[in-house]
C-alpha atoms as a PDB file:
ATOM      1  CA  MET A   1      -5.177  -9.254  45.215  1.00  0.00           C
ATOM      2  CA  SER A   2      -6.089  -5.967  46.846  1.00  0.00           C
ATOM      3  CA  GLU A   3      -2.944  -4.375  45.378  1.00  0.00           C
ATOM      4  CA  GLU A   4      -3.997  -5.342  41.856  1.00  0.00           C
ATOM      5  CA  ASN A   5      -7.445  -3.837  42.367  1.00  0.00           C
ATOM      6  CA  ASN A   6      -5.927  -0.673  43.817  1.00  0.00           C
ATOM      7  CA  VAL A   7      -3.623  -0.237  40.810  1.00  0.00           C
ATOM      8  CA  GLU A   8      -6.537  -0.638  38.416  1.00  0.00           C
ATOM      9  CA  ASP A   9      -8.659   1.902  40.332  1.00  0.00           C
ATOM     10  CA  THR A  10      -5.815   4.421  40.366  1.00  0.00           C
ATOM     11  CA  SER A  11      -5.158   4.132  36.645  1.00  0.00           C
ATOM     12  CA  LEU A  12      -8.829   4.591  35.833  1.00  0.00           C
ATOM     13  CA  ALA A  13      -9.116   7.675  38.033  1.00  0.00           C
ATOM     14  CA  GLY A  14      -5.849   9.242  36.866  1.00  0.00           C
ATOM     15  CA  ILE A  15      -5.749  12.716  35.406  1.00  0.00           C
ATOM     16  CA  GLY A  16      -3.246  13.534  32.715  1.00  0.00           C
ATOM     17  CA  ILE A  17      -1.980  16.753  31.197  1.00  0.00           C
ATOM     18  CA  ALA A  18      -4.376  16.296  28.269  1.00  0.00           C
ATOM     19  CA  ASP A  19      -7.292  16.284  30.730  1.00  0.00           C
ATOM     20  CA  ILE A  20      -6.126  19.553  32.271  1.00  0.00           C
ATOM     21  CA  VAL A  21      -5.674  21.115  28.830  1.00  0.00           C
ATOM     22  CA  LEU A  22      -9.233  20.044  28.016  1.00  0.00           C
ATOM     23  CA  ALA A  23     -10.478  21.689  31.231  1.00  0.00           C
ATOM     24  CA  CYS A  24      -8.665  24.900  30.248  1.00  0.00           C
ATOM     25  CA  ASN A  25     -10.338  24.813  26.847  1.00  0.00           C
ATOM     26  CA  ILE A  26     -13.742  24.270  28.459  1.00  0.00           C
ATOM     27  CA  ILE A  27     -13.224  27.212  30.828  1.00  0.00           C
ATOM     28  CA  ASP A  28     -12.102  29.402  27.938  1.00  0.00           C
ATOM     29  CA  LEU A  29     -15.111  28.466  25.818  1.00  0.00           C
ATOM     30  CA  ALA A  30     -17.555  28.933  28.701  1.00  0.00           C
ATOM     31  CA  THR A  31     -16.069  32.367  29.403  1.00  0.00           C
ATOM     32  CA  GLN A  32     -16.384  33.387  25.758  1.00  0.00           C
ATOM     33  CA  ARG A  33     -20.036  32.325  25.778  1.00  0.00           C
ATOM     34  CA  GLY A  34     -20.802  34.306  28.937  1.00  0.00           C
ATOM     35  CA  ALA A  35     -21.457  31.334  31.204  1.00  0.00           C
ATOM     36  CA  PHE A  36     -20.069  33.096  34.279  1.00  0.00           C
ATOM     37  CA  LYS A  37     -21.334  36.155  36.146  1.00  0.00           C
ATOM     38  CA  ALA A  38     -19.028  39.158  36.460  1.00  0.00           C
ATOM     39  CA  ALA A  39     -18.528  38.478  40.174  1.00  0.00           C
ATOM     40  CA  GLU A  40     -17.286  34.985  39.346  1.00  0.00           C
ATOM     41  CA  ALA A  41     -14.836  36.096  36.662  1.00  0.00           C
ATOM     42  CA  ALA A  42     -11.906  36.651  39.037  1.00  0.00           C
ATOM     43  CA  GLN A  43     -12.200  33.177  40.575  1.00  0.00           C
ATOM     44  CA  VAL A  44     -12.635  31.488  37.215  1.00  0.00           C
ATOM     45  CA  GLY A  45      -9.675  33.433  35.799  1.00  0.00           C
ATOM     46  CA  ALA A  46      -7.470  32.542  38.757  1.00  0.00           C
ATOM     47  CA  CYS A  47      -8.337  28.851  38.385  1.00  0.00           C
ATOM     48  CA  PHE A  48      -7.669  29.012  34.651  1.00  0.00           C
ATOM     49  CA  GLU A  49      -4.275  30.671  35.178  1.00  0.00           C
ATOM     50  CA  LYS A  50      -3.254  28.030  37.747  1.00  0.00           C
ATOM     51  CA  LEU A  51      -4.200  25.223  35.374  1.00  0.00           C
ATOM     52  CA  VAL A  52      -2.306  26.815  32.482  1.00  0.00           C
ATOM     53  CA  ALA A  53       0.771  27.339  34.682  1.00  0.00           C
ATOM     54  CA  PHE A  54       0.617  23.698  35.793  1.00  0.00           C
ATOM     55  CA  VAL A  55       0.406  22.479  32.209  1.00  0.00           C
ATOM     56  CA  LYS A  56       3.348  24.651  31.162  1.00  0.00           C
ATOM     57  CA  ALA A  57       5.451  23.494  34.122  1.00  0.00           C
ATOM     58  CA  ASN A  58       4.685  19.820  33.551  1.00  0.00           C
ATOM     59  CA  THR A  59       4.853  19.566  29.778  1.00  0.00           C
ATOM     60  CA  PRO A  60       8.252  18.548  28.432  1.00  0.00           C
ATOM     61  CA  ASP A  61       9.735  20.803  25.786  1.00  0.00           C
ATOM     62  CA  GLU A  62       9.313  19.343  22.339  1.00  0.00           C
ATOM     63  CA  GLU A  63      12.435  19.268  20.228  1.00  0.00           C
ATOM     64  CA  THR A  64      12.187  20.714  16.755  1.00  0.00           C
ATOM     65  CA  PRO A  65      12.965  18.342  13.873  1.00  0.00           C
ATOM     66  CA  ALA A  66      16.098  20.378  13.027  1.00  0.00           C
ATOM     67  CA  GLU A  67      17.502  19.884  16.532  1.00  0.00           C
ATOM     68  CA  THR A  68      16.800  16.155  16.395  1.00  0.00           C
ATOM     69  CA  ALA A  69      18.488  15.785  13.006  1.00  0.00           C
ATOM     70  CA  ALA A  70      21.537  17.759  14.163  1.00  0.00           C
ATOM     71  CA  GLU A  71      21.997  15.452  17.170  1.00  0.00           C
ATOM     72  CA  VAL A  72      21.891  12.303  15.019  1.00  0.00           C
END
């Protein structure tokens, strides 16, 4: 029984690529609106760059429709 509860808790607390992309968008928007002080800009930028790099590294390449049709 405890395993079932643990699985449910983990799935509810999981973070997906879409969540990280959303965080990147929030950081970008907050930066554009001047939500951060100049002294904080380097830290915010470094965090943003790490998140973007993670998303790029963990997002599978999408095949173009032409490639898919050629394979079939």
